């Protein structure tokens, strides 16, 4: 395991590996690694010769300074997890190394339209500009590689895919299924900020997605009706403040007139002081409906929800 802190050394290290004919896998993260990240690194290690994990808490994608300050940091633990999962390089630069002159405003940022302007993009203006800017920089430094992202942050994945396609970056984006707790809650670095009661309340998000999936299985094809079914679960959960619950086309993230083909169910809500997001993909055919990845069975009652 090699820990690198400068952009020049990181770029040179991966270029040296490619010169030896080795395939490079890249796992961009903001640290505070958990089992979901472990799965990304392990898959990259299975498919590539060398795996680089980036650990960088990107200030450009935070709406508030206090949220940035509260973001958990544990570089020693991150390095240990990354190495155990098969990584050979960890790139952990300081903010000043990535953004010279920070906190002065950036002269150059990257903006992705369309998929970056709805849902999280509308709720958190500028967030995806921060994501797109740091991802473009990391891809530029890493060079030709396979980059692994979790479907947990599905809209971010869509933004990265658009970025790579439209800027012709030499990166293959690999999507990996969301890793969940046994009760269905998606793993997230933000979960550590939940109290025990809030942690139980947060399971309303996967329950909401399961309700939407069941509605599709039962033949509902109107996106508004499916959204209403999901919203009802969130509205009935004590301690949960809903933001959105939508059924959209998986490629455009816009609700179609009729739900057919690859559909994405997405929800967002605040539990305590923590904003959580989740999603699941559903393929809707003429006679069959299947979710991928499947959600665990969820049967816990929700106050005010329709059985």
C-alpha atoms as a PDB file:
ATOM      1  CA  UNK A   1       0.000   0.000   0.000  1.00  0.00           C
ATOM      2  CA  UNK A   2       1.270   3.435  -0.964  1.00  0.00           C
ATOM      3  CA  UNK A   3      -0.317   6.647   0.356  1.00  0.00           C
ATOM      4  CA  UNK A   4       0.181   9.595  -1.994  1.00  0.00           C
ATOM      5  CA  UNK A   5      -0.607  13.206  -1.142  1.00  0.00           C
ATOM      6  CA  UNK A   6       0.456  15.185  -4.228  1.00  0.00           C
ATOM      7  CA  UNK A   7      -1.215  15.382  -7.613  1.00  0.00           C
ATOM      8  CA  UNK A   8       2.055  14.966  -9.504  1.00  0.00           C
ATOM      9  CA  UNK A   9       3.073  11.812  -7.646  1.00  0.00           C
ATOM     10  CA  UNK A  10      -0.408  10.322  -8.057  1.00  0.00           C
ATOM     11  CA  UNK A  11      -0.472  10.908 -11.812  1.00  0.00           C
ATOM     12  CA  UNK A  12       3.063   9.571 -12.241  1.00  0.00           C
ATOM     13  CA  UNK A  13       2.359   6.454 -10.153  1.00  0.00           C
ATOM     14  CA  UNK A  14      -0.617   5.390 -12.267  1.00  0.00           C
ATOM     15  CA  UNK A  15       1.106   6.234 -15.539  1.00  0.00           C
ATOM     16  CA  UNK A  16       4.002   3.999 -14.484  1.00  0.00           C
ATOM     17  CA  UNK A  17       1.576   1.132 -13.899  1.00  0.00           C
ATOM     18  CA  UNK A  18      -0.002   1.566 -17.334  1.00  0.00           C
ATOM     19  CA  UNK A  19       3.476   1.603 -18.905  1.00  0.00           C
ATOM     20  CA  UNK A  20       3.918  -1.914 -17.516  1.00  0.00           C
ATOM     21  CA  UNK A  21       0.716  -2.990 -19.247  1.00  0.00           C
ATOM     22  CA  UNK A  22      -1.422  -2.986 -16.121  1.00  0.00           C
ATOM     23  CA  UNK A  23      -5.101  -1.977 -16.010  1.00  0.00           C
ATOM     24  CA  UNK A  24      -5.877   0.753 -13.485  1.00  0.00           C
ATOM     25  CA  UNK A  25      -9.015   0.751 -11.347  1.00  0.00           C
ATOM     26  CA  UNK A  26     -10.092   3.977  -9.635  1.00  0.00           C
ATOM     27  CA  UNK A  27     -12.457   4.298  -6.665  1.00  0.00           C
ATOM     28  CA  UNK A  28     -13.187   7.988  -5.897  1.00  0.00           C
ATOM     29  CA  UNK A  29     -14.437   8.569  -2.335  1.00  0.00           C
ATOM     30  CA  UNK A  30     -14.742  11.268   0.293  1.00  0.00           C
ATOM     31  CA  UNK A  31     -13.380   8.922   2.935  1.00  0.00           C
ATOM     32  CA  UNK A  32     -15.157   7.559   6.013  1.00  0.00           C
ATOM     33  CA  UNK A  33     -15.132   4.255   4.154  1.00  0.00           C
ATOM     34  CA  UNK A  34     -17.685   1.557   4.982  1.00  0.00           C
ATOM     35  CA  UNK A  35     -18.740  -1.847   3.650  1.00  0.00           C
ATOM     36  CA  UNK A  36     -20.217  -0.245   0.549  1.00  0.00           C
ATOM     37  CA  UNK A  37     -16.856   1.253  -0.358  1.00  0.00           C
ATOM     38  CA  UNK A  38     -15.194  -2.061   0.478  1.00  0.00           C
ATOM     39  CA  UNK A  39     -17.372  -3.690  -2.157  1.00  0.00           C
ATOM     40  CA  UNK A  40     -16.322  -1.116  -4.764  1.00  0.00           C
ATOM     41  CA  UNK A  41     -12.638  -1.644  -4.018  1.00  0.00           C
ATOM     42  CA  UNK A  42     -12.985  -5.430  -4.017  1.00  0.00           C
ATOM     43  CA  UNK A  43     -14.711  -5.406  -7.395  1.00  0.00           C
ATOM     44  CA  UNK A  44     -12.071  -3.072  -8.816  1.00  0.00           C
ATOM     45  CA  UNK A  45      -9.350  -5.384  -7.465  1.00  0.00           C
ATOM     46  CA  UNK A  46     -11.037  -8.383  -9.098  1.00  0.00           C
ATOM     47  CA  UNK A  47     -11.205  -6.664 -12.492  1.00  0.00           C
ATOM     48  CA  UNK A  48      -8.025  -4.542 -12.547  1.00  0.00           C
ATOM     49  CA  UNK A  49      -4.307  -5.027 -11.912  1.00  0.00           C
ATOM     50  CA  UNK A  50      -3.839  -2.001  -9.670  1.00  0.00           C
ATOM     51  CA  UNK A  51      -6.484  -0.132  -7.668  1.00  0.00           C
ATOM     52  CA  UNK A  52      -6.259   3.478  -6.532  1.00  0.00           C
ATOM     53  CA  UNK A  53      -8.688   4.804  -3.921  1.00  0.00           C
ATOM     54  CA  UNK A  54      -9.004   8.567  -3.636  1.00  0.00           C
ATOM     55  CA  UNK A  55      -9.865  10.026  -0.225  1.00  0.00           C
ATOM     56  CA  UNK A  56     -10.771  13.682  -0.527  1.00  0.00           C
ATOM     57  CA  UNK A  57     -13.524  15.589   1.266  1.00  0.00           C
ATOM     58  CA  UNK A  58     -14.408  17.953  -1.545  1.00  0.00           C
ATOM     59  CA  UNK A  59     -15.443  21.369  -0.190  1.00  0.00           C
ATOM     60  CA  UNK A  60     -16.986  22.434  -3.505  1.00  0.00           C
ATOM     61  CA  UNK A  61     -19.910  20.054  -3.126  1.00  0.00           C
ATOM     62  CA  UNK A  62     -21.013  21.131   0.355  1.00  0.00           C
ATOM     63  CA  UNK A  63     -23.807  23.658   0.766  1.00  0.00           C
ATOM     64  CA  UNK A  64     -22.845  24.768   4.269  1.00  0.00           C
ATOM     65  CA  UNK A  65     -19.514  25.144   6.044  1.00  0.00           C
ATOM     66  CA  UNK A  66     -20.863  23.382   9.141  1.00  0.00           C
ATOM     67  CA  UNK A  67     -21.842  20.326   7.086  1.00  0.00           C
ATOM     68  CA  UNK A  68     -18.315  20.181   5.685  1.00  0.00           C
ATOM     69  CA  UNK A  69     -16.842  20.513   9.176  1.00  0.00           C
ATOM     70  CA  UNK A  70     -19.033  17.692  10.525  1.00  0.00           C
ATOM     71  CA  UNK A  71     -18.190  15.262   7.742  1.00  0.00           C
ATOM     72  CA  UNK A  72     -16.435  12.267   9.374  1.00  0.00           C
ATOM     73  CA  UNK A  73     -12.729  11.814   8.654  1.00  0.00           C
ATOM     74  CA  UNK A  74     -10.586   8.774   9.460  1.00  0.00           C
ATOM     75  CA  UNK A  75      -7.690   8.467   7.025  1.00  0.00           C
ATOM     76  CA  UNK A  76      -5.938   5.731   9.020  1.00  0.00           C
ATOM     77  CA  UNK A  77      -9.089   3.612   9.025  1.00  0.00           C
ATOM     78  CA  UNK A  78      -9.722   4.363   5.353  1.00  0.00           C
ATOM     79  CA  UNK A  79      -6.242   3.210   4.369  1.00  0.00           C
ATOM     80  CA  UNK A  80      -6.633  -0.001   6.357  1.00  0.00           C
ATOM     81  CA  UNK A  81     -10.007  -0.804   4.783  1.00  0.00           C
ATOM     82  CA  UNK A  82      -8.801   0.034   1.276  1.00  0.00           C
ATOM     83  CA  UNK A  83      -5.721  -2.146   1.645  1.00  0.00           C
ATOM     84  CA  UNK A  84      -7.717  -5.067   3.066  1.00  0.00           C
ATOM     85  CA  UNK A  85     -10.122  -4.855   0.113  1.00  0.00           C
ATOM     86  CA  UNK A  86      -7.320  -4.978  -2.450  1.00  0.00           C
ATOM     87  CA  UNK A  87      -6.240  -1.398  -3.113  1.00  0.00           C
ATOM     88  CA  UNK A  88      -2.562  -0.669  -3.731  1.00  0.00           C
ATOM     89  CA  UNK A  89      -2.667   3.136  -3.767  1.00  0.00           C
ATOM     90  CA  UNK A  90      -4.523   5.695  -1.661  1.00  0.00           C
ATOM     91  CA  UNK A  91      -4.518   9.280  -2.923  1.00  0.00           C
ATOM     92  CA  UNK A  92      -5.259  11.604   0.014  1.00  0.00           C
ATOM     93  CA  UNK A  93      -4.428  15.197  -0.958  1.00  0.00           C
ATOM     94  CA  UNK A  94      -4.937  18.313   1.136  1.00  0.00           C
ATOM     95  CA  UNK A  95      -7.518  20.828  -0.078  1.00  0.00           C
ATOM     96  CA  UNK A  96      -4.743  23.240  -1.066  1.00  0.00           C
ATOM     97  CA  UNK A  97      -3.144  20.537  -3.209  1.00  0.00           C
ATOM     98  CA  UNK A  98      -6.345  20.020  -5.203  1.00  0.00           C
ATOM     99  CA  UNK A  99      -7.439  23.664  -5.290  1.00  0.00           C
ATOM    100  CA  UNK A 100      -4.507  26.066  -5.294  1.00  0.00           C
ATOM    101  CA  UNK A 101      -5.349  29.287  -3.484  1.00  0.00           C
ATOM    102  CA  UNK A 102      -8.398  27.821  -1.737  1.00  0.00           C
ATOM    103  CA  UNK A 103     -10.708  29.258  -0.380  1.00  0.00           C
ATOM    104  CA  UNK A 104     -10.486  31.815  -3.174  1.00  0.00           C
ATOM    105  CA  UNK A 105     -13.212  31.187  -5.808  1.00  0.00           C
ATOM    106  CA  UNK A 106     -12.322  28.770  -8.603  1.00  0.00           C
ATOM    107  CA  UNK A 107     -11.644  30.322 -11.999  1.00  0.00           C
ATOM    108  CA  UNK A 108     -12.631  27.044 -13.653  1.00  0.00           C
ATOM    109  CA  UNK A 109     -15.488  24.753 -12.693  1.00  0.00           C
ATOM    110  CA  UNK A 110     -17.422  22.087 -14.585  1.00  0.00           C
ATOM    111  CA  UNK A 111     -21.202  22.246 -15.056  1.00  0.00           C
ATOM    112  CA  UNK A 112     -23.330  19.373 -16.330  1.00  0.00           C
ATOM    113  CA  UNK A 113     -26.829  20.238 -17.505  1.00  0.00           C
ATOM    114  CA  UNK A 114     -29.920  18.077 -17.669  1.00  0.00           C
ATOM    115  CA  UNK A 115     -29.489  15.221 -15.174  1.00  0.00           C
ATOM    116  CA  UNK A 116     -27.580  17.508 -12.774  1.00  0.00           C
ATOM    117  CA  UNK A 117     -30.306  20.152 -12.574  1.00  0.00           C
ATOM    118  CA  UNK A 118     -33.203  18.156 -11.112  1.00  0.00           C
ATOM    119  CA  UNK A 119     -33.837  16.457  -7.746  1.00  0.00           C
ATOM    120  CA  UNK A 120     -30.585  16.841  -5.744  1.00  0.00           C
ATOM    121  CA  UNK A 121     -29.419  19.481  -8.194  1.00  0.00           C
ATOM    122  CA  UNK A 122     -32.527  21.556  -7.532  1.00  0.00           C
ATOM    123  CA  UNK A 123     -32.411  20.964  -3.767  1.00  0.00           C
ATOM    124  CA  UNK A 124     -28.698  21.725  -3.476  1.00  0.00           C
ATOM    125  CA  UNK A 125     -27.709  24.374  -6.067  1.00  0.00           C
ATOM    126  CA  UNK A 126     -24.067  24.096  -7.065  1.00  0.00           C
ATOM    127  CA  UNK A 127     -23.611  20.648  -5.516  1.00  0.00           C
ATOM    128  CA  UNK A 128     -23.135  18.811  -8.799  1.00  0.00           C
ATOM    129  CA  UNK A 129     -20.852  21.536 -10.125  1.00  0.00           C
ATOM    130  CA  UNK A 130     -18.594  20.628  -7.209  1.00  0.00           C
ATOM    131  CA  UNK A 131     -18.918  16.927  -7.977  1.00  0.00           C
ATOM    132  CA  UNK A 132     -18.276  17.398 -11.695  1.00  0.00           C
ATOM    133  CA  UNK A 133     -15.270  19.641 -11.054  1.00  0.00           C
ATOM    134  CA  UNK A 134     -13.497  17.275  -8.660  1.00  0.00           C
ATOM    135  CA  UNK A 135     -14.320  14.173 -10.725  1.00  0.00           C
ATOM    136  CA  UNK A 136     -12.965  15.813 -13.878  1.00  0.00           C
ATOM    137  CA  UNK A 137      -9.783  16.691 -11.995  1.00  0.00           C
ATOM    138  CA  UNK A 138      -9.389  13.179 -10.570  1.00  0.00           C
ATOM    139  CA  UNK A 139     -10.002  11.576 -13.962  1.00  0.00           C
ATOM    140  CA  UNK A 140      -7.480  13.923 -15.546  1.00  0.00           C
ATOM    141  CA  UNK A 141      -4.873  12.978 -12.939  1.00  0.00           C
ATOM    142  CA  UNK A 142      -5.609   9.240 -13.053  1.00  0.00           C
ATOM    143  CA  UNK A 143      -5.669   8.919 -16.838  1.00  0.00           C
ATOM    144  CA  UNK A 144      -7.069   5.900 -18.670  1.00  0.00           C
ATOM    145  CA  UNK A 145      -8.826   3.733 -16.101  1.00  0.00           C
ATOM    146  CA  UNK A 146     -12.000   2.033 -14.934  1.00  0.00           C
ATOM    147  CA  UNK A 147     -13.810   4.123 -12.300  1.00  0.00           C
ATOM    148  CA  UNK A 148     -16.147   2.424  -9.829  1.00  0.00           C
ATOM    149  CA  UNK A 149     -19.188   4.194  -8.388  1.00  0.00           C
ATOM    150  CA  UNK A 150     -22.033   2.930  -6.227  1.00  0.00           C
ATOM    151  CA  UNK A 151     -25.639   3.150  -7.388  1.00  0.00           C
ATOM    152  CA  UNK A 152     -26.516   4.471  -3.916  1.00  0.00           C
ATOM    153  CA  UNK A 153     -25.795   7.983  -5.268  1.00  0.00           C
ATOM    154  CA  UNK A 154     -27.617   7.310  -8.521  1.00  0.00           C
ATOM    155  CA  UNK A 155     -27.927  10.889  -9.699  1.00  0.00           C
ATOM    156  CA  UNK A 156     -24.216  11.423  -9.106  1.00  0.00           C
ATOM    157  CA  UNK A 157     -23.565   8.310 -11.186  1.00  0.00           C
ATOM    158  CA  UNK A 158     -25.727   9.754 -13.978  1.00  0.00           C
ATOM    159  CA  UNK A 159     -23.812  13.039 -13.809  1.00  0.00           C
ATOM    160  CA  UNK A 160     -20.466  11.241 -14.032  1.00  0.00           C
ATOM    161  CA  UNK A 161     -21.625   9.138 -16.970  1.00  0.00           C
ATOM    162  CA  UNK A 162     -22.748  12.285 -18.803  1.00  0.00           C
ATOM    163  CA  UNK A 163     -19.487  14.036 -17.993  1.00  0.00           C
ATOM    164  CA  UNK A 164     -17.375  11.175 -19.341  1.00  0.00           C
ATOM    165  CA  UNK A 165     -19.447  10.789 -22.511  1.00  0.00           C
ATOM    166  CA  UNK A 166     -19.627  14.464 -23.416  1.00  0.00           C
ATOM    167  CA  UNK A 167     -15.987  15.312 -22.615  1.00  0.00           C
ATOM    168  CA  UNK A 168     -14.660  12.071 -24.180  1.00  0.00           C
ATOM    169  CA  UNK A 169     -12.666  11.229 -21.065  1.00  0.00           C
ATOM    170  CA  UNK A 170     -10.612   7.984 -21.231  1.00  0.00           C
ATOM    171  CA  UNK A 171     -12.525   6.419 -18.348  1.00  0.00           C
ATOM    172  CA  UNK A 172     -14.939   3.495 -18.225  1.00  0.00           C
ATOM    173  CA  UNK A 173     -17.569   4.116 -15.538  1.00  0.00           C
ATOM    174  CA  UNK A 174     -18.588   0.939 -13.682  1.00  0.00           C
ATOM    175  CA  UNK A 175     -21.787   1.016 -11.616  1.00  0.00           C
ATOM    176  CA  UNK A 176     -21.991  -1.223  -8.535  1.00  0.00           C
ATOM    177  CA  UNK A 177     -25.179  -2.183  -6.644  1.00  0.00           C
ATOM    178  CA  UNK A 178     -26.134  -0.423  -3.421  1.00  0.00           C
ATOM    179  CA  UNK A 179     -24.997  -2.209  -0.257  1.00  0.00           C
ATOM    180  CA  UNK A 180     -27.700  -2.361   2.424  1.00  0.00           C
ATOM    181  CA  UNK A 181     -28.131  -3.234   6.066  1.00  0.00           C
ATOM    182  CA  UNK A 182     -30.364  -6.262   6.834  1.00  0.00           C
ATOM    183  CA  UNK A 183     -33.302  -3.890   7.473  1.00  0.00           C
ATOM    184  CA  UNK A 184     -32.881  -2.324   4.036  1.00  0.00           C
ATOM    185  CA  UNK A 185     -31.187   0.960   4.964  1.00  0.00           C
ATOM    186  CA  UNK A 186     -28.547   1.886   2.391  1.00  0.00           C
ATOM    187  CA  UNK A 187     -25.037   2.189   3.773  1.00  0.00           C
ATOM    188  CA  UNK A 188     -23.894   5.808   3.936  1.00  0.00           C
ATOM    189  CA  UNK A 189     -21.198   7.760   5.725  1.00  0.00           C
ATOM    190  CA  UNK A 190     -23.989  10.000   7.001  1.00  0.00           C
ATOM    191  CA  UNK A 191     -25.633   7.142   8.924  1.00  0.00           C
ATOM    192  CA  UNK A 192     -23.141   7.506  11.783  1.00  0.00           C
ATOM    193  CA  UNK A 193     -24.749  10.855  12.608  1.00  0.00           C
ATOM    194  CA  UNK A 194     -28.122   9.232  13.346  1.00  0.00           C
ATOM    195  CA  UNK A 195     -29.241   8.389  16.870  1.00  0.00           C
ATOM    196  CA  UNK A 196     -30.685   4.924  17.515  1.00  0.00           C
ATOM    197  CA  UNK A 197     -34.250   6.254  17.158  1.00  0.00           C
ATOM    198  CA  UNK A 198     -33.378   8.208  14.014  1.00  0.00           C
ATOM    199  CA  UNK A 199     -31.647   5.149  12.602  1.00  0.00           C
ATOM    200  CA  UNK A 200     -34.922   3.198  12.973  1.00  0.00           C
ATOM    201  CA  UNK A 201     -36.919   6.054  11.453  1.00  0.00           C
ATOM    202  CA  UNK A 202     -34.566   6.178   8.448  1.00  0.00           C
ATOM    203  CA  UNK A 203     -35.782   2.762   7.296  1.00  0.00           C
ATOM    204  CA  UNK A 204     -38.810   4.649   5.962  1.00  0.00           C
ATOM    205  CA  UNK A 205     -36.702   5.391   2.867  1.00  0.00           C
ATOM    206  CA  UNK A 206     -36.261   1.770   1.728  1.00  0.00           C
ATOM    207  CA  UNK A 207     -39.858   1.050   2.783  1.00  0.00           C
ATOM    208  CA  UNK A 208     -40.964   3.878   0.518  1.00  0.00           C
ATOM    209  CA  UNK A 209     -39.015   2.396  -2.390  1.00  0.00           C
ATOM    210  CA  UNK A 210     -40.490  -1.035  -1.702  1.00  0.00           C
ATOM    211  CA  UNK A 211     -43.987   0.482  -1.786  1.00  0.00           C
ATOM    212  CA  UNK A 212     -43.244   2.035  -5.174  1.00  0.00           C
ATOM    213  CA  UNK A 213     -41.855  -1.229  -6.496  1.00  0.00           C
ATOM    214  CA  UNK A 214     -44.991  -3.092  -5.353  1.00  0.00           C
ATOM    215  CA  UNK A 215     -47.197  -0.533  -7.089  1.00  0.00           C
ATOM    216  CA  UNK A 216     -45.325  -1.159 -10.335  1.00  0.00           C
ATOM    217  CA  UNK A 217     -45.679  -4.910  -9.852  1.00  0.00           C
ATOM    218  CA  UNK A 218     -49.414  -4.409  -9.438  1.00  0.00           C
ATOM    219  CA  UNK A 219     -49.595  -2.645 -12.797  1.00  0.00           C
ATOM    220  CA  UNK A 220     -49.513   1.031 -11.876  1.00  0.00           C
ATOM    221  CA  UNK A 221     -47.860   2.909 -14.727  1.00  0.00           C
ATOM    222  CA  UNK A 222     -48.672   6.531 -13.900  1.00  0.00           C
ATOM    223  CA  UNK A 223     -45.574   8.191 -12.380  1.00  0.00           C
ATOM    224  CA  UNK A 224     -47.689  10.505 -10.246  1.00  0.00           C
ATOM    225  CA  UNK A 225     -49.537   7.602  -8.637  1.00  0.00           C
ATOM    226  CA  UNK A 226     -46.331   5.691  -7.910  1.00  0.00           C
ATOM    227  CA  UNK A 227     -44.773   8.831  -6.422  1.00  0.00           C
ATOM    228  CA  UNK A 228     -47.847   9.318  -4.223  1.00  0.00           C
ATOM    229  CA  UNK A 229     -47.556   5.756  -2.910  1.00  0.00           C
ATOM    230  CA  UNK A 230     -43.919   6.312  -1.961  1.00  0.00           C
ATOM    231  CA  UNK A 231     -44.619   9.745  -0.458  1.00  0.00           C
ATOM    232  CA  UNK A 232     -47.355   8.279   1.739  1.00  0.00           C
ATOM    233  CA  UNK A 233     -44.817   6.030   3.456  1.00  0.00           C
ATOM    234  CA  UNK A 234     -42.442   8.919   4.112  1.00  0.00           C
ATOM    235  CA  UNK A 235     -45.259  11.197   5.291  1.00  0.00           C
ATOM    236  CA  UNK A 236     -46.417   8.544   7.761  1.00  0.00           C
ATOM    237  CA  UNK A 237     -43.014   7.977   9.342  1.00  0.00           C
ATOM    238  CA  UNK A 238     -42.427   9.830  12.610  1.00  0.00           C
ATOM    239  CA  UNK A 239     -39.249  11.898  12.659  1.00  0.00           C
ATOM    240  CA  UNK A 240     -38.903  11.901   8.860  1.00  0.00           C
ATOM    241  CA  UNK A 241     -39.226  15.124   6.839  1.00  0.00           C
ATOM    242  CA  UNK A 242     -39.700  14.176   3.165  1.00  0.00           C
ATOM    243  CA  UNK A 243     -38.116  16.086   0.312  1.00  0.00           C
ATOM    244  CA  UNK A 244     -39.113  14.093  -2.749  1.00  0.00           C
ATOM    245  CA  UNK A 245     -40.309  10.663  -3.865  1.00  0.00           C
ATOM    246  CA  UNK A 246     -40.331  10.177  -7.633  1.00  0.00           C
ATOM    247  CA  UNK A 247     -40.503   7.582 -10.385  1.00  0.00           C
ATOM    248  CA  UNK A 248     -38.379   8.669 -13.351  1.00  0.00           C
ATOM    249  CA  UNK A 249     -36.767   7.452 -16.546  1.00  0.00           C
ATOM    250  CA  UNK A 250     -33.438   5.935 -15.500  1.00  0.00           C
ATOM    251  CA  UNK A 251     -31.471   7.793 -18.182  1.00  0.00           C
ATOM    252  CA  UNK A 252     -32.990  11.280 -18.060  1.00  0.00           C
ATOM    253  CA  UNK A 253     -34.233  11.377 -14.434  1.00  0.00           C
ATOM    254  CA  UNK A 254     -37.444  12.944 -15.746  1.00  0.00           C
ATOM    255  CA  UNK A 255     -40.864  11.345 -15.155  1.00  0.00           C
ATOM    256  CA  UNK A 256     -42.152   9.858 -18.431  1.00  0.00           C
ATOM    257  CA  UNK A 257     -45.822   9.967 -19.381  1.00  0.00           C
ATOM    258  CA  UNK A 258     -46.012   6.225 -18.771  1.00  0.00           C
ATOM    259  CA  UNK A 259     -43.621   4.101 -16.730  1.00  0.00           C
ATOM    260  CA  UNK A 260     -41.999   1.598 -19.076  1.00  0.00           C
ATOM    261  CA  UNK A 261     -38.516   0.183 -19.581  1.00  0.00           C
ATOM    262  CA  UNK A 262     -35.742   1.145 -17.155  1.00  0.00           C
ATOM    263  CA  UNK A 263     -37.238   3.180 -14.319  1.00  0.00           C
ATOM    264  CA  UNK A 264     -35.565   4.616 -11.230  1.00  0.00           C
ATOM    265  CA  UNK A 265     -37.410   5.206  -7.979  1.00  0.00           C
ATOM    266  CA  UNK A 266     -35.679   7.897  -5.913  1.00  0.00           C
ATOM    267  CA  UNK A 267     -36.426   9.327  -2.479  1.00  0.00           C
ATOM    268  CA  UNK A 268     -34.881  11.973  -0.233  1.00  0.00           C
ATOM    269  CA  UNK A 269     -35.744  12.968   3.314  1.00  0.00           C
ATOM    270  CA  UNK A 270     -34.247  14.553   6.402  1.00  0.00           C
ATOM    271  CA  UNK A 271     -34.038  12.525   9.604  1.00  0.00           C
ATOM    272  CA  UNK A 272     -32.955  14.621  12.563  1.00  0.00           C
ATOM    273  CA  UNK A 273     -30.332  16.906  11.051  1.00  0.00           C
ATOM    274  CA  UNK A 274     -29.225  14.369   8.441  1.00  0.00           C
ATOM    275  CA  UNK A 275     -30.391  14.438   4.834  1.00  0.00           C
ATOM    276  CA  UNK A 276     -30.601  10.939   3.338  1.00  0.00           C
ATOM    277  CA  UNK A 277     -31.187   9.703  -0.201  1.00  0.00           C
ATOM    278  CA  UNK A 278     -31.933   6.277  -1.634  1.00  0.00           C
ATOM    279  CA  UNK A 279     -33.074   4.678  -4.863  1.00  0.00           C
ATOM    280  CA  UNK A 280     -33.787   1.426  -6.627  1.00  0.00           C
ATOM    281  CA  UNK A 281     -33.924   0.472 -10.296  1.00  0.00           C
ATOM    282  CA  UNK A 282     -36.960  -1.263 -11.718  1.00  0.00           C
ATOM    283  CA  UNK A 283     -37.322  -2.713 -15.208  1.00  0.00           C
ATOM    284  CA  UNK A 284     -40.939  -2.472 -16.311  1.00  0.00           C
ATOM    285  CA  UNK A 285     -41.953  -4.738 -19.188  1.00  0.00           C
ATOM    286  CA  UNK A 286     -45.217  -5.671 -20.847  1.00  0.00           C
ATOM    287  CA  UNK A 287     -45.822  -8.607 -18.530  1.00  0.00           C
ATOM    288  CA  UNK A 288     -43.081  -8.531 -15.917  1.00  0.00           C
ATOM    289  CA  UNK A 289     -41.565  -6.104 -13.462  1.00  0.00           C
ATOM    290  CA  UNK A 290     -38.281  -6.675 -11.662  1.00  0.00           C
ATOM    291  CA  UNK A 291     -36.096  -4.531  -9.438  1.00  0.00           C
ATOM    292  CA  UNK A 292     -32.346  -4.476  -9.668  1.00  0.00           C
ATOM    293  CA  UNK A 293     -30.829  -4.694  -7.177  1.00  0.00           C
ATOM    294  CA  UNK A 294     -33.694  -6.199  -5.186  1.00  0.00           C
ATOM    295  CA  UNK A 295     -34.637  -4.588  -1.885  1.00  0.00           C
ATOM    296  CA  UNK A 296     -34.792  -6.734   1.249  1.00  0.00           C
ATOM    297  CA  UNK A 297     -38.254  -7.649   2.446  1.00  0.00           C
ATOM    298  CA  UNK A 298     -39.517  -4.816   4.666  1.00  0.00           C
ATOM    299  CA  UNK A 299     -42.558  -5.405   6.845  1.00  0.00           C
ATOM    300  CA  UNK A 300     -42.147  -3.049   9.795  1.00  0.00           C
ATOM    301  CA  UNK A 301     -45.273  -0.945  10.342  1.00  0.00           C
ATOM    302  CA  UNK A 302     -45.120   2.782   9.669  1.00  0.00           C
ATOM    303  CA  UNK A 303     -47.337   5.182  11.557  1.00  0.00           C
ATOM    304  CA  UNK A 304     -50.106   6.482   9.318  1.00  0.00           C
ATOM    305  CA  UNK A 305     -49.118   4.367   6.316  1.00  0.00           C
ATOM    306  CA  UNK A 306     -51.607   2.324   4.357  1.00  0.00           C
ATOM    307  CA  UNK A 307     -51.026  -1.450   4.837  1.00  0.00           C
END
